[in-house]
Structures are given as C-alpha cells and as structure tokens.
Amino acid sequence: MSWRKLPRSARLLLIAVLYAAVLTGHVFAVHLYVTRFSEKVDSREIAVAVRDIPPHTVLTSDDIALRRIRYSDLVDGAYTSLESAVGKESAAFIGSNEQLTPGKVNEAIKREGEMIVEIPEDWLLSFPKSLRRLDEIRLHPVYQKKGEATEVPASYVPVPLESSELSGITVAYFKDASANEVGDEAGNGGDSADSRRLKASSVGARLEVALTEPQFDLLQSLAIQQYRFIVSYE
C-alpha cells in the first residue's frame, strides 16, 4: 500500500513514531557520549594525592594515583604520570585529591634514616653565602676557647676530624632570618648558572641539613666540647 493511500491518521501516527525514534536515538547518543566518551575526550589522566600528605613526606605509589581530570579543571604543569612524582618530597601540605605539580614537590632531600635538622647559629663559624638546597657539604670542626680559634687538642676529638660522618651532608634548606628560602635572583639571559647562584634573593642565615642520628650526636658532642664548624662544599 502506497503512502498516499494510507489514512491520514495512520500517516500522522507513523510520522509521530518516526520522530520519537529519531529523538530517542539522539538522546541515547548524547547520553552515550557523555557517559562513555566525553570523559576520555575532554579530560586527561593526572597524578593526584589519594590522602592528605604532610610537608616533607617522600611520596610513594600508595600516596598518589592517576585520575581523569577535565581540561577545564586542570592545573598548569600537573604531572601526567606517577613516575614524575614518586620518590620526590612534598614541599608543603598536599590535600586529598589535589593535583600534583612541580611547585608542590621537591627532589627528595633526605635518605632513609636521616632527619632534617637546623644547625644552631652559634655552632657555625662560617658558611658559603652561595649555598643552595641539595648542595653537598663538609663540616670542618675548629676548637674554640673564649671565642678565639686555637689549635685543636687531639684529646678533645672523639673521632678523627676527617671522619666520613662529617662529609657528604645534604643541604635541606638555606633560609634567611625570616625563614624564607634563599634563591637565585633572576638575571639576564646571558647569565650562567654559577653567576645566578651568586645573586641571592636574600642573605642566608639559617642552615638546615639532612643528618643521621650518629651524625647529629657527633656534632652535638663536638659543640659541647667547644668546637665550632666551618662549612665548605664537598
């Protein structure tokens, strides 16, 4: 039977059914796109914290995971792989579900068994003003009496002065008097890395280092026996 020979009511019914089928198909296609494909098309896998992470925590695969984040919610520079963040250290508090970026993590400062310690100002005789985070240093003990450097009496030395306990020490932070980390001031494009290092953003006053307990005990013992330390590059 041809279309024209169908009753008008039948033709209207077929048009309504066809329209409903097209509309239903469109709605289903949109739903399928939103639920199945939109997330993949409009988002990217980003490394995020799966729990609250305190400052100075070395990140492990248990602390972070990859989750899809919509492009509209992405933070600039966010890590797109776990390998970019695992093994590094949180520079500040990182909240659960927070995206990880280079500004939130540092290269790991301390090794297993080490702690971050600020060396008291009165323990130090001198240190390079060009010190920066992650530099390796050696501490040279100098015996003092009434504030004046004198010869080191061997009887006061609990271990040889060239002990490995006093070398290979990592600078955790080098801060000014206001506890702000000392950095390099931006120079012109022709400045070398060494040149920029000499242009400090502030004057260093507080030295924090990564020490093992035996190293700290040794330094404390020497300080009690009136030794002070000269800091040099390793």
Protein backbone atom coordinates (compact mmCIF):
# COMPACT_ATOMS: atom_id res chain seq x y z
CA MET A 1 0.00 0.00 0.00
CA SER A 2 1.39 3.36 -1.03
CA TRP A 3 1.92 6.24 1.39
CA ARG A 4 -0.86 8.32 -0.20
CA LYS A 5 -3.40 5.54 0.12
CA LEU A 6 -2.87 5.31 3.89
CA PRO A 7 -5.46 7.03 6.05
CA ARG A 8 -4.41 10.45 7.27
CA SER A 9 -4.48 9.28 10.89
CA ALA A 10 -2.12 6.39 10.04
CA ARG A 11 0.28 8.71 8.30
CA LEU A 12 0.33 11.07 11.27
CA LEU A 13 0.91 8.11 13.59
CA LEU A 14 3.87 6.90 11.51
CA ILE A 15 5.35 10.41 11.45
CA ALA A 16 5.00 10.66 15.22
CA VAL A 17 6.62 7.23 15.71
CA LEU A 18 9.50 8.14 13.35
CA TYR A 19 10.03 11.47 15.11
CA ALA A 20 10.02 9.75 18.51
CA ALA A 21 12.54 7.17 17.26
CA VAL A 22 14.88 9.89 15.93
CA LEU A 23 14.56 11.90 19.16
CA THR A 24 15.14 8.80 21.29
CA GLY A 25 18.19 7.89 19.22
CA HIS A 26 19.57 11.40 19.58
CA VAL A 27 19.04 11.40 23.34
CA PHE A 28 20.66 7.96 23.62
CA ALA A 29 23.63 9.10 21.51
CA VAL A 30 24.14 12.18 23.67
CA HIS A 31 23.87 10.07 26.83
CA LEU A 32 26.36 7.56 25.44
CA TYR A 33 28.80 10.34 24.56
CA VAL A 34 28.54 11.96 27.99
CA THR A 35 28.85 8.72 29.95
CA ARG A 36 31.26 6.77 27.77
CA PHE A 37 33.30 9.05 25.55
CA SER A 38 33.13 12.64 26.81
CA GLU A 39 35.30 11.92 29.85
CA LYS A 40 38.02 10.46 27.67
CA VAL A 41 37.80 13.16 25.02
CA ASP A 42 37.51 16.15 27.39
CA SER A 43 39.86 15.02 30.17
CA ARG A 44 43.34 13.74 30.89
CA GLU A 45 44.92 11.41 33.46
CA ILE A 46 46.64 13.45 36.15
CA ALA A 47 48.60 12.45 39.26
CA VAL A 48 46.62 13.40 42.38
CA ALA A 49 47.04 12.76 46.10
CA VAL A 50 44.85 9.95 47.42
CA ARG A 51 45.18 11.18 51.01
CA ASP A 52 46.31 14.24 52.96
CA ILE A 53 50.11 14.41 52.71
CA PRO A 54 52.10 16.35 55.34
CA PRO A 55 55.08 18.51 54.32
CA HIS A 56 58.47 16.80 53.82
CA THR A 57 56.92 13.41 53.01
CA VAL A 58 58.67 11.26 50.42
CA LEU A 59 55.91 10.27 48.00
CA THR A 60 55.24 6.61 47.25
CA SER A 61 52.82 4.85 44.90
CA ASP A 62 50.48 4.48 47.90
CA ASP A 63 50.20 8.27 48.23
CA ILE A 64 49.22 9.16 44.67
CA ALA A 65 47.16 7.80 41.78
CA LEU A 66 46.20 8.73 38.24
CA ARG A 67 42.70 10.13 37.85
CA ARG A 68 40.93 11.68 34.90
CA ILE A 69 40.53 15.45 35.27
CA ARG A 70 38.54 17.58 32.83
CA TYR A 71 40.63 20.05 30.87
CA SER A 72 38.65 22.92 32.38
CA ASP A 73 39.82 21.83 35.86
CA LEU A 74 43.46 21.08 35.04
CA VAL A 75 46.20 22.88 36.95
CA ASP A 76 49.06 24.15 34.77
CA GLY A 77 52.04 21.80 34.84
CA ALA A 78 50.23 18.97 36.65
CA TYR A 79 52.07 15.64 36.44
CA THR A 80 50.64 13.19 33.93
CA SER A 81 52.49 10.12 35.22
CA LEU A 82 53.18 8.58 38.62
CA GLU A 83 56.88 8.29 37.83
CA SER A 84 57.12 12.10 37.74
CA ALA A 85 56.19 12.36 41.43
CA VAL A 86 57.09 9.06 43.15
CA GLY A 87 60.31 9.41 45.15
CA LYS A 88 60.02 13.17 45.44
CA GLU A 89 59.17 15.06 48.61
CA SER A 90 56.12 17.18 49.38
CA ALA A 91 57.19 20.82 49.61
CA ALA A 92 54.08 21.75 51.63
CA PHE A 93 50.82 20.21 52.80
CA ILE A 94 49.00 18.48 49.91
CA GLY A 95 45.30 17.79 50.36
CA SER A 96 43.48 14.65 49.25
CA ASN A 97 42.54 14.76 45.52
CA GLU A 98 44.86 17.72 44.96
CA GLN A 99 46.72 17.70 41.65
CA LEU A 100 50.49 17.34 41.90
CA THR A 101 52.65 19.97 40.23
CA PRO A 102 56.37 20.82 40.33
CA GLY A 103 55.58 23.62 42.76
CA LYS A 104 54.18 21.19 45.31
CA VAL A 105 57.08 18.71 45.36
CA ASN A 106 60.85 18.81 45.60
CA GLU A 107 63.58 16.36 44.84
CA ALA A 108 63.91 14.15 47.91
CA ILE A 109 66.18 15.85 50.45
CA LYS A 110 66.81 13.08 52.90
CA ARG A 111 67.65 9.42 52.57
CA GLU A 112 66.24 6.65 54.73
CA GLY A 113 67.30 7.08 58.34
CA GLU A 114 68.00 10.80 58.04
CA MET A 115 66.24 13.74 59.68
CA ILE A 116 66.14 17.44 58.84
CA VAL A 117 68.00 19.50 61.45
CA GLU A 118 68.68 23.22 61.68
CA ILE A 119 72.26 23.76 62.80
CA PRO A 120 72.26 26.30 65.65
CA GLU A 121 73.80 29.62 64.66
CA ASP A 122 76.33 29.52 67.49
CA TRP A 123 77.67 26.18 66.19
CA LEU A 124 78.84 27.78 62.94
CA LEU A 125 81.95 29.84 62.28
CA SER A 126 81.29 30.38 58.59
CA PHE A 127 79.45 29.02 55.57
CA PRO A 128 79.39 29.92 51.86
CA LYS A 129 76.75 32.51 51.08
CA SER A 130 76.18 30.74 47.75
CA LEU A 131 74.77 27.63 49.42
CA ARG A 132 71.55 26.31 47.94
CA ARG A 133 69.17 23.45 48.59
CA LEU A 134 70.54 19.96 47.73
CA ASP A 135 74.20 21.08 47.81
CA GLU A 136 76.54 18.58 49.47
CA ILE A 137 78.78 19.99 52.19
CA ARG A 138 81.51 19.04 54.64
CA LEU A 139 81.72 20.32 58.22
CA HIS A 140 85.22 21.17 59.48
CA PRO A 141 85.39 21.31 63.31
CA VAL A 142 87.54 24.04 64.85
CA TYR A 143 88.26 24.14 68.58
CA GLN A 144 87.48 27.48 70.21
CA LYS A 145 88.27 28.96 73.57
CA LYS A 146 86.68 32.22 74.69
CA GLY A 147 85.54 32.89 71.16
CA GLU A 148 89.01 32.61 69.60
CA ALA A 149 90.07 29.81 67.27
CA THR A 150 93.04 27.83 68.63
CA GLU A 151 94.83 24.62 67.79
CA VAL A 152 92.64 21.55 68.04
CA PRO A 153 93.72 19.46 71.03
CA ALA A 154 93.65 15.83 69.91
CA SER A 155 92.35 14.70 73.29
CA TYR A 156 89.10 16.55 72.63
CA VAL A 157 88.37 14.87 69.35
CA PRO A 158 86.01 11.87 69.79
CA VAL A 159 86.60 10.76 66.17
CA PRO A 160 89.18 11.68 63.51
CA LEU A 161 88.49 15.13 62.08
CA GLU A 162 88.32 13.69 58.57
CA SER A 163 85.60 11.27 59.62
CA SER A 164 83.13 10.41 56.87
CA GLU A 165 80.40 11.33 59.38
CA LEU A 166 81.23 14.99 58.71
CA SER A 167 81.12 14.81 54.91
CA GLY A 168 78.55 14.16 52.22
CA ILE A 169 75.91 16.09 54.17
CA THR A 170 72.97 17.38 52.11
CA VAL A 171 71.69 20.93 52.50
CA ALA A 172 67.94 20.63 53.07
CA TYR A 173 67.19 24.36 53.20
CA PHE A 174 69.20 27.56 53.29
CA LYS A 175 66.98 30.33 54.67
CA ASP A 176 67.20 33.98 55.58
CA ALA A 177 66.44 35.41 59.02
CA SER A 178 62.70 35.41 58.20
CA ALA A 179 62.72 31.68 57.35
CA ASN A 180 62.31 32.30 53.62
CA GLU A 181 64.38 30.03 51.41
CA VAL A 182 67.30 31.74 49.70
CA GLY A 183 67.11 31.51 45.93
CA ASP A 184 68.86 32.91 42.90
CA GLU A 185 67.76 36.31 41.64
CA ALA A 186 66.72 36.32 38.01
CA GLY A 187 69.42 37.74 35.77
CA ASN A 188 69.63 38.49 32.09
CA GLY A 189 69.60 35.69 29.57
CA GLY A 190 73.39 35.67 29.31
CA ASP A 191 73.95 34.83 32.99
CA SER A 192 75.48 31.42 33.65
CA ALA A 193 74.05 29.14 36.33
CA ASP A 194 77.06 29.88 38.59
CA SER A 195 76.62 33.61 38.06
CA ARG A 196 72.94 33.46 39.01
CA ARG A 197 73.81 31.42 42.12
CA LEU A 198 75.91 34.31 43.40
CA LYS A 199 72.95 36.68 43.09
CA ALA A 200 70.95 35.63 46.12
CA SER A 201 67.36 36.72 46.65
CA SER A 202 68.20 37.36 50.31
CA VAL A 203 71.01 36.90 52.82
CA GLY A 204 71.33 33.36 54.17
CA ALA A 205 71.24 32.99 57.93
CA ARG A 206 69.75 29.59 58.79
CA LEU A 207 71.17 26.29 57.58
CA GLU A 208 69.10 23.09 57.68
CA VAL A 209 70.73 19.79 56.76
CA ALA A 210 69.86 16.11 56.48
CA LEU A 211 71.61 14.13 59.22
CA THR A 212 71.55 10.63 60.62
CA GLU A 213 71.30 10.26 64.39
CA PRO A 214 75.01 9.33 64.70
CA GLN A 215 75.95 12.43 62.74
CA PHE A 216 73.79 14.65 64.91
CA ASP A 217 75.14 13.06 68.10
CA LEU A 218 78.69 13.67 66.85
CA LEU A 219 78.03 17.32 66.04
CA GLN A 220 76.33 17.86 69.40
CA SER A 221 79.23 16.21 71.21
CA LEU A 222 81.76 18.38 69.41
CA ALA A 223 79.71 21.53 70.07
CA ILE A 224 79.57 20.73 73.80
CA GLN A 225 83.37 20.41 73.75
CA GLN A 226 83.63 23.95 72.31
CA TYR A 227 84.07 23.01 68.68
CA ARG A 228 82.52 25.20 66.02
CA PHE A 229 82.19 24.35 62.36
CA ILE A 230 83.34 25.81 59.08
CA VAL A 231 81.07 24.73 56.24
CA SER A 232 82.57 24.04 52.83
CA TYR A 233 81.39 22.48 49.60
CA GLU A 234 82.07 18.76 49.35
